[in-house]
Structures are given as C-alpha cells and as structure tokens.
C-alpha cells in the first residue's frame, strides 16, 4: 500500500477533529460575546457552557479517546510495512463510524444510536489491532 492510501483516512479524521474544534470555538465565542456565558462561569473549566457549546466540546474531546488507538496503530504499522489492504479498508470503515458518531453527537445526540456507532468503531479498531498483532507475532 502506498503511504498516501494509508494516510488519507488519518488526514480525513484529523480534518473532522479540526472542524469540531472550529465549530466549538465559534459556538463558545458566540456564547461569550452575547453574554449568555460569563468568563467567571467557565474560567476554572466549570461546565457552564450552553448546551450546544457543551455538545460540540464533548464531541471534540471524544476525538482524543478511541481515535488515539487508531492513530497509534497507523503510526506503528506504516514504518513496519504492515499497513496492507485490510488495514486501509478498515481505516476507512473506522473513519465512517467516527463521522457517523460525530454527526449523531452534534445533532440529535440520541444515546442509543450514538453508542452503537461508537461500539462499531471500537470493534473495527479492535479487529485492526488483532490483525496487526497476529501479523507481527505470527509473521503472516
């Protein structure tokens, strides 16, 4: 697999993270400039943001949880030349689950659906790690 094919899903997922960061920043900025939220109410990281700002902030923070396992796997598999077609295809599946998860998180925030998409992504990353471990340990 080419480096571009392996890294494209990573770049797309990083793009999602930045999009959420900017959306969170704009929403928080509006809450502060409108007076809906006061600096003193959030200065020590108190959870006093409006619902929408909290929703975007939590979704942004979530991009540093499960995706971290994905980033680490790619960072190890690529230089070891074990990022094959399976890894690339599963990377795209993972990215789709992350977009679905984020989309649900920042819209309806339906916990059942959001949890199912999170769990699907977790299973994909688990499958990727198991496959990678077997390739490394058993040299398949």
N, C-alpha and C. Protein backbone atom coordinates (compact mmCIF):
# COMPACT_ATOMS: atom_id res chain seq x y z
N UNK A 1 0.84 -1.18 0.00
CA UNK A 1 0.00 0.00 0.00
C UNK A 1 0.89 1.24 0.00
N UNK A 2 0.44 2.24 -0.74
CA UNK A 2 1.20 3.48 -0.77
C UNK A 2 0.98 4.26 0.52
N UNK A 3 1.92 5.10 0.82
CA UNK A 3 1.82 5.93 2.02
C UNK A 3 0.57 6.81 1.95
N UNK A 4 0.26 7.33 0.76
CA UNK A 4 -0.91 8.18 0.59
C UNK A 4 -2.20 7.43 0.92
N UNK A 5 -2.30 6.19 0.47
CA UNK A 5 -3.51 5.40 0.73
C UNK A 5 -3.68 5.12 2.22
N UNK A 6 -2.57 4.90 2.90
CA UNK A 6 -2.62 4.61 4.33
C UNK A 6 -2.95 5.86 5.12
N UNK A 7 -2.39 6.98 4.71
CA UNK A 7 -2.55 8.21 5.49
C UNK A 7 -3.81 9.01 5.16
N UNK A 8 -4.42 8.79 4.02
CA UNK A 8 -5.60 9.58 3.67
C UNK A 8 -6.71 9.46 4.72
N UNK A 9 -7.06 8.26 5.21
CA UNK A 9 -8.08 8.20 6.26
C UNK A 9 -7.66 8.94 7.54
N UNK A 10 -6.38 8.92 7.84
CA UNK A 10 -5.87 9.66 9.00
C UNK A 10 -6.10 11.15 8.81
N UNK A 11 -5.75 11.66 7.63
CA UNK A 11 -5.93 13.09 7.35
C UNK A 11 -7.40 13.49 7.39
N UNK A 12 -8.26 12.62 6.89
CA UNK A 12 -9.70 12.91 6.91
C UNK A 12 -10.20 12.98 8.35
N UNK A 13 -9.75 12.05 9.19
CA UNK A 13 -10.17 12.05 10.59
C UNK A 13 -9.61 13.26 11.33
N UNK A 14 -8.41 13.66 11.01
CA UNK A 14 -7.85 14.88 11.60
C UNK A 14 -8.65 16.10 11.15
N UNK A 15 -9.10 16.08 9.90
CA UNK A 15 -9.97 17.15 9.40
C UNK A 15 -11.25 17.25 10.19
N UNK A 16 -11.84 16.12 10.52
CA UNK A 16 -13.05 16.11 11.35
C UNK A 16 -12.75 16.74 12.71
N UNK A 17 -11.62 16.39 13.28
CA UNK A 17 -11.25 16.93 14.59
C UNK A 17 -11.11 18.45 14.54
N UNK A 18 -10.46 18.95 13.50
CA UNK A 18 -10.32 20.41 13.37
C UNK A 18 -11.66 21.08 13.10
N UNK A 19 -12.51 20.45 12.32
CA UNK A 19 -13.85 21.02 12.06
C UNK A 19 -14.62 21.15 13.36
N UNK A 20 -14.54 20.13 14.20
CA UNK A 20 -15.22 20.19 15.50
C UNK A 20 -14.59 21.25 16.41
N UNK A 21 -13.27 21.37 16.35
CA UNK A 21 -12.58 22.40 17.14
C UNK A 21 -13.07 23.79 16.75
N UNK A 22 -13.12 24.06 15.45
CA UNK A 22 -13.54 25.38 15.00
C UNK A 22 -15.01 25.63 15.31
N UNK A 23 -15.86 24.61 15.14
CA UNK A 23 -17.28 24.77 15.47
C UNK A 23 -17.45 25.05 16.96
N UNK A 24 -16.68 24.35 17.79
CA UNK A 24 -16.73 24.57 19.24
C UNK A 24 -16.27 25.99 19.57
N UNK A 25 -15.18 26.43 18.95
CA UNK A 25 -14.65 27.76 19.23
C UNK A 25 -15.65 28.85 18.84
N UNK A 26 -16.27 28.70 17.68
CA UNK A 26 -17.27 29.69 17.23
C UNK A 26 -18.45 29.70 18.18
N UNK A 27 -18.94 28.54 18.55
CA UNK A 27 -20.10 28.46 19.44
C UNK A 27 -19.78 29.03 20.81
N UNK A 28 -18.62 28.73 21.32
CA UNK A 28 -18.23 29.29 22.62
C UNK A 28 -18.03 30.79 22.52
N UNK A 29 -17.41 31.24 21.43
CA UNK A 29 -17.21 32.68 21.23
C UNK A 29 -18.53 33.43 21.20
N UNK A 30 -19.52 32.87 20.51
CA UNK A 30 -20.85 33.49 20.45
C UNK A 30 -21.50 33.53 21.83
N UNK A 31 -21.34 32.44 22.59
CA UNK A 31 -21.93 32.40 23.94
C UNK A 31 -21.30 33.47 24.83
N UNK A 32 -20.00 33.70 24.68
CA UNK A 32 -19.32 34.71 25.48
C UNK A 32 -19.68 36.13 25.01
N UNK A 33 -19.67 36.35 23.70
CA UNK A 33 -19.94 37.70 23.21
C UNK A 33 -21.40 38.12 23.41
N UNK A 34 -22.31 37.17 23.42
CA UNK A 34 -23.72 37.50 23.65
C UNK A 34 -24.04 37.70 25.13
N UNK A 35 -23.13 37.29 25.98
CA UNK A 35 -23.36 37.40 27.41
C UNK A 35 -24.10 36.20 27.99
N UNK A 36 -24.42 35.23 27.14
CA UNK A 36 -25.10 34.02 27.63
C UNK A 36 -24.22 33.27 28.64
N UNK A 37 -22.91 33.33 28.41
CA UNK A 37 -21.94 32.74 29.33
C UNK A 37 -20.96 33.82 29.75
N UNK A 38 -20.64 33.85 31.02
CA UNK A 38 -19.68 34.81 31.55
C UNK A 38 -18.34 34.10 31.77
N UNK A 39 -17.26 34.83 31.57
CA UNK A 39 -15.92 34.27 31.75
C UNK A 39 -15.78 33.66 33.14
N UNK A 40 -16.28 34.34 34.15
CA UNK A 40 -16.12 33.85 35.52
C UNK A 40 -16.83 32.51 35.73
N UNK A 41 -17.82 32.21 34.86
CA UNK A 41 -18.57 30.96 35.00
C UNK A 41 -17.84 29.76 34.40
N UNK A 42 -16.81 30.03 33.59
CA UNK A 42 -16.10 28.93 32.93
C UNK A 42 -14.59 29.01 33.13
N UNK A 43 -14.12 29.99 33.87
CA UNK A 43 -12.68 30.27 33.99
C UNK A 43 -11.88 29.10 34.55
N UNK A 44 -12.48 28.32 35.41
CA UNK A 44 -11.78 27.18 36.00
C UNK A 44 -12.29 25.85 35.44
N UNK A 45 -12.70 25.90 34.18
CA UNK A 45 -13.21 24.73 33.45
C UNK A 45 -14.52 24.20 34.02
N UNK A 46 -15.28 25.07 34.68
CA UNK A 46 -16.59 24.65 35.14
C UNK A 46 -17.46 24.36 33.92
N UNK A 47 -18.34 23.40 34.02
CA UNK A 47 -19.18 23.02 32.87
C UNK A 47 -20.41 23.92 32.73
N UNK A 48 -20.17 25.22 32.53
CA UNK A 48 -21.28 26.18 32.47
C UNK A 48 -21.52 26.74 31.07
N UNK A 49 -21.11 26.00 30.05
CA UNK A 49 -21.39 26.43 28.69
C UNK A 49 -22.83 26.11 28.34
N UNK A 50 -23.41 26.80 27.38
CA UNK A 50 -24.74 26.43 26.89
C UNK A 50 -24.72 25.01 26.31
N UNK A 51 -25.87 24.43 26.14
CA UNK A 51 -25.98 23.03 25.70
C UNK A 51 -25.24 22.79 24.39
N UNK A 52 -25.43 23.64 23.40
CA UNK A 52 -24.80 23.43 22.09
C UNK A 52 -23.28 23.48 22.20
N UNK A 53 -22.77 24.43 22.95
CA UNK A 53 -21.31 24.53 23.13
C UNK A 53 -20.78 23.31 23.87
N UNK A 54 -21.52 22.83 24.84
CA UNK A 54 -21.12 21.63 25.57
C UNK A 54 -21.13 20.42 24.65
N UNK A 55 -22.16 20.32 23.83
CA UNK A 55 -22.28 19.21 22.89
C UNK A 55 -21.07 19.18 21.94
N UNK A 56 -20.74 20.30 21.36
CA UNK A 56 -19.59 20.37 20.45
C UNK A 56 -18.27 20.13 21.19
N UNK A 57 -18.15 20.68 22.38
CA UNK A 57 -16.94 20.48 23.17
C UNK A 57 -16.73 19.02 23.55
N UNK A 58 -17.81 18.35 23.93
CA UNK A 58 -17.69 16.94 24.29
C UNK A 58 -17.37 16.09 23.06
N UNK A 59 -17.95 16.42 21.93
CA UNK A 59 -17.67 15.69 20.70
C UNK A 59 -16.21 15.88 20.30
N UNK A 60 -15.72 17.11 20.41
CA UNK A 60 -14.32 17.40 20.12
C UNK A 60 -13.41 16.59 21.05
N UNK A 61 -13.69 16.61 22.33
CA UNK A 61 -12.86 15.88 23.31
C UNK A 61 -12.87 14.38 23.01
N UNK A 62 -13.98 13.88 22.52
CA UNK A 62 -14.10 12.46 22.21
C UNK A 62 -13.15 12.04 21.09
N UNK A 63 -12.72 12.99 20.27
CA UNK A 63 -11.80 12.67 19.17
C UNK A 63 -10.40 12.33 19.66
N UNK A 64 -10.17 12.46 20.96
CA UNK A 64 -8.86 12.14 21.54
C UNK A 64 -8.94 10.90 22.42
N UNK A 65 -10.00 10.16 22.29
CA UNK A 65 -10.18 8.94 23.07
C UNK A 65 -9.97 7.73 22.16
N UNK A 66 -11.01 7.16 21.64
CA UNK A 66 -10.90 5.98 20.77
C UNK A 66 -10.01 6.20 19.55
N UNK A 67 -10.09 7.33 18.87
CA UNK A 67 -9.21 7.52 17.70
C UNK A 67 -7.72 7.43 18.03
N UNK A 68 -7.35 7.67 19.26
CA UNK A 68 -5.94 7.57 19.63
C UNK A 68 -5.40 6.17 19.34
N UNK A 69 -6.20 5.14 19.61
CA UNK A 69 -5.77 3.77 19.33
C UNK A 69 -5.57 3.56 17.83
N UNK A 70 -6.41 4.20 17.03
CA UNK A 70 -6.28 4.14 15.57
C UNK A 70 -4.99 4.82 15.12
N UNK A 71 -4.75 6.04 15.62
CA UNK A 71 -3.55 6.78 15.22
C UNK A 71 -2.28 6.02 15.59
N UNK A 72 -2.26 5.44 16.77
CA UNK A 72 -1.08 4.69 17.20
C UNK A 72 -0.84 3.49 16.29
N UNK A 73 -1.90 2.78 15.96
CA UNK A 73 -1.76 1.62 15.09
C UNK A 73 -1.17 2.02 13.74
N UNK A 74 -1.70 3.07 13.14
CA UNK A 74 -1.18 3.50 11.84
C UNK A 74 0.27 3.96 11.98
N UNK A 75 0.58 4.67 13.05
CA UNK A 75 1.94 5.17 13.27
C UNK A 75 2.94 4.02 13.43
N UNK A 76 2.50 2.89 13.92
CA UNK A 76 3.38 1.73 14.07
C UNK A 76 3.39 0.88 12.80
N UNK A 77 2.21 0.65 12.23
CA UNK A 77 2.10 -0.24 11.07
C UNK A 77 2.78 0.32 9.83
N UNK A 78 2.71 1.62 9.65
CA UNK A 78 3.28 2.22 8.44
C UNK A 78 4.79 2.02 8.33
N UNK A 79 5.57 2.42 9.33
CA UNK A 79 7.02 2.22 9.18
C UNK A 79 7.45 0.75 9.19
N UNK A 80 6.63 -0.10 9.80
CA UNK A 80 6.96 -1.53 9.81
C UNK A 80 6.49 -2.24 8.54
N UNK A 81 5.87 -1.49 7.65
CA UNK A 81 5.38 -2.00 6.37
C UNK A 81 4.34 -3.11 6.55
N UNK A 82 3.47 -2.91 7.53
CA UNK A 82 2.37 -3.84 7.76
C UNK A 82 1.01 -3.18 7.56
N UNK A 83 1.01 -2.04 6.90
CA UNK A 83 -0.25 -1.36 6.58
C UNK A 83 -0.69 -1.83 5.20
N UNK A 84 -1.41 -2.93 5.19
CA UNK A 84 -1.82 -3.55 3.93
C UNK A 84 -3.26 -3.17 3.59
N UNK A 85 -3.83 -3.86 2.60
CA UNK A 85 -5.18 -3.55 2.13
C UNK A 85 -6.21 -3.67 3.26
N UNK A 86 -6.09 -4.69 4.10
CA UNK A 86 -7.03 -4.86 5.20
C UNK A 86 -6.99 -3.65 6.13
N UNK A 87 -5.80 -3.21 6.48
CA UNK A 87 -5.65 -2.05 7.37
C UNK A 87 -6.26 -0.80 6.73
N UNK A 88 -6.01 -0.60 5.45
CA UNK A 88 -6.55 0.58 4.77
C UNK A 88 -8.07 0.52 4.71
N UNK A 89 -8.62 -0.62 4.33
CA UNK A 89 -10.08 -0.74 4.26
C UNK A 89 -10.73 -0.55 5.62
N UNK A 90 -10.16 -1.15 6.64
CA UNK A 90 -10.70 -1.00 7.99
C UNK A 90 -10.52 0.43 8.50
N UNK A 91 -9.47 1.10 8.05
CA UNK A 91 -9.28 2.51 8.40
C UNK A 91 -10.45 3.34 7.89
N UNK A 92 -10.86 3.07 6.65
CA UNK A 92 -11.99 3.81 6.09
C UNK A 92 -13.27 3.48 6.83
N UNK A 93 -13.46 2.23 7.19
CA UNK A 93 -14.66 1.86 7.97
C UNK A 93 -14.65 2.61 9.30
N UNK A 94 -13.49 2.66 9.94
CA UNK A 94 -13.38 3.38 11.21
C UNK A 94 -13.71 4.86 11.03
N UNK A 95 -13.17 5.47 9.98
CA UNK A 95 -13.44 6.89 9.72
C UNK A 95 -14.94 7.12 9.51
N UNK A 96 -15.59 6.23 8.79
CA UNK A 96 -17.04 6.36 8.58
C UNK A 96 -17.77 6.28 9.91
N UNK A 97 -17.37 5.36 10.79
CA UNK A 97 -18.03 5.27 12.10
C UNK A 97 -17.79 6.52 12.93
N UNK A 98 -16.62 7.13 12.81
CA UNK A 98 -16.32 8.35 13.56
C UNK A 98 -17.15 9.53 13.05
N UNK A 99 -17.32 9.61 11.74
CA UNK A 99 -18.16 10.67 11.18
C UNK A 99 -19.61 10.47 11.60
N UNK A 100 -20.07 9.22 11.56
CA UNK A 100 -21.44 8.94 11.99
C UNK A 100 -21.61 9.28 13.47
N UNK A 101 -20.65 8.88 14.28
CA UNK A 101 -20.69 9.16 15.71
C UNK A 101 -20.74 10.67 15.96
N UNK A 102 -19.85 11.40 15.31
CA UNK A 102 -19.81 12.86 15.49
C UNK A 102 -21.10 13.51 14.98
N UNK A 103 -21.60 13.02 13.86
CA UNK A 103 -22.84 13.57 13.33
C UNK A 103 -24.01 13.40 14.28
N UNK A 104 -24.10 12.23 14.87
CA UNK A 104 -25.16 11.98 15.85
C UNK A 104 -24.92 12.84 17.10
N UNK A 105 -23.66 12.92 17.53
CA UNK A 105 -23.31 13.65 18.74
C UNK A 105 -23.74 15.11 18.66
N UNK A 106 -23.51 15.74 17.50
CA UNK A 106 -23.77 17.18 17.38
C UNK A 106 -25.15 17.51 16.83
N UNK A 107 -25.97 16.49 16.55
CA UNK A 107 -27.34 16.75 16.09
C UNK A 107 -28.33 16.22 17.13
N UNK A 108 -28.87 15.05 16.90
CA UNK A 108 -29.90 14.51 17.79
C UNK A 108 -29.34 14.08 19.14
N UNK A 109 -28.07 13.70 19.16
CA UNK A 109 -27.40 13.18 20.35
C UNK A 109 -28.17 12.01 20.96
N UNK A 110 -28.80 11.22 20.10
CA UNK A 110 -29.52 10.03 20.56
C UNK A 110 -28.50 9.04 21.11
N UNK A 111 -28.57 8.79 22.42
CA UNK A 111 -27.56 7.97 23.09
C UNK A 111 -27.51 6.54 22.56
N UNK A 112 -28.64 5.98 22.23
CA UNK A 112 -28.65 4.60 21.75
C UNK A 112 -27.90 4.48 20.42
N UNK A 113 -28.26 5.34 19.48
CA UNK A 113 -27.61 5.31 18.17
C UNK A 113 -26.15 5.71 18.28
N UNK A 114 -25.89 6.73 19.06
CA UNK A 114 -24.51 7.19 19.23
C UNK A 114 -23.65 6.10 19.84
N UNK A 115 -24.18 5.39 20.84
CA UNK A 115 -23.44 4.31 21.48
C UNK A 115 -23.17 3.17 20.51
N UNK A 116 -24.13 2.87 19.66
CA UNK A 116 -23.95 1.80 18.68
C UNK A 116 -22.86 2.16 17.67
N UNK A 117 -22.84 3.41 17.23
CA UNK A 117 -21.80 3.80 16.28
C UNK A 117 -20.43 3.83 16.95
N UNK A 118 -20.39 4.25 18.21
CA UNK A 118 -19.11 4.23 18.95
C UNK A 118 -18.63 2.79 19.08
N UNK A 119 -19.52 1.89 19.44
CA UNK A 119 -19.16 0.48 19.63
C UNK A 119 -18.71 -0.14 18.32
N UNK A 120 -19.36 0.21 17.22
CA UNK A 120 -18.93 -0.30 15.91
C UNK A 120 -17.50 0.14 15.61
N UNK A 121 -17.20 1.40 15.90
CA UNK A 121 -15.83 1.90 15.70
C UNK A 121 -14.83 1.19 16.61
N UNK A 122 -15.24 0.93 17.84
CA UNK A 122 -14.36 0.23 18.77
C UNK A 122 -14.07 -1.18 18.27
N UNK A 123 -15.08 -1.85 17.73
CA UNK A 123 -14.87 -3.20 17.19
C UNK A 123 -13.94 -3.17 15.98
N UNK A 124 -14.07 -2.15 15.15
CA UNK A 124 -13.20 -2.03 13.98
C UNK A 124 -11.74 -1.85 14.43
N UNK A 125 -11.51 -0.97 15.38
CA UNK A 125 -10.14 -0.75 15.85
C UNK A 125 -9.60 -2.01 16.54
N UNK A 126 -10.44 -2.69 17.28
CA UNK A 126 -10.03 -3.95 17.90
C UNK A 126 -9.64 -4.97 16.83
N UNK A 127 -10.44 -5.09 15.78
CA UNK A 127 -10.12 -6.02 14.69
C UNK A 127 -8.79 -5.64 14.03
N UNK A 128 -8.58 -4.35 13.84
CA UNK A 128 -7.32 -3.89 13.24
C UNK A 128 -6.13 -4.25 14.12
N UNK A 129 -6.27 -4.03 15.43
CA UNK A 129 -5.17 -4.36 16.35
C UNK A 129 -4.92 -5.87 16.41
N UNK A 130 -5.98 -6.66 16.43
CA UNK A 130 -5.80 -8.12 16.46
C UNK A 130 -5.10 -8.60 15.18
N UNK A 131 -5.55 -8.10 14.06
CA UNK A 131 -4.95 -8.45 12.78
C UNK A 131 -3.47 -8.06 12.76
N UNK A 132 -3.20 -6.83 13.18
CA UNK A 132 -1.82 -6.34 13.20
C UNK A 132 -0.95 -7.17 14.14
N UNK A 133 -1.46 -7.47 15.32
CA UNK A 133 -0.70 -8.27 16.29
C UNK A 133 -0.40 -9.66 15.74
N UNK A 134 -1.39 -10.27 15.11
CA UNK A 134 -1.16 -11.60 14.52
C UNK A 134 -0.14 -11.53 13.39
N UNK A 135 -0.19 -10.49 12.59
CA UNK A 135 0.79 -10.33 11.51
C UNK A 135 2.20 -10.20 12.07
N UNK A 136 2.34 -9.41 13.13
CA UNK A 136 3.66 -9.19 13.72
C UNK A 136 4.16 -10.43 14.46
N UNK A 137 3.30 -11.01 15.28
CA UNK A 137 3.70 -12.13 16.13
C UNK A 137 3.85 -13.44 15.37
N UNK A 138 2.98 -13.65 14.40
CA UNK A 138 3.00 -14.91 13.66
C UNK A 138 3.63 -14.75 12.28
N UNK A 139 4.00 -13.52 11.96
CA UNK A 139 4.63 -13.20 10.68
C UNK A 139 3.79 -13.71 9.50
N UNK A 140 2.48 -13.42 9.55
CA UNK A 140 1.61 -13.83 8.44
C UNK A 140 1.47 -12.74 7.42
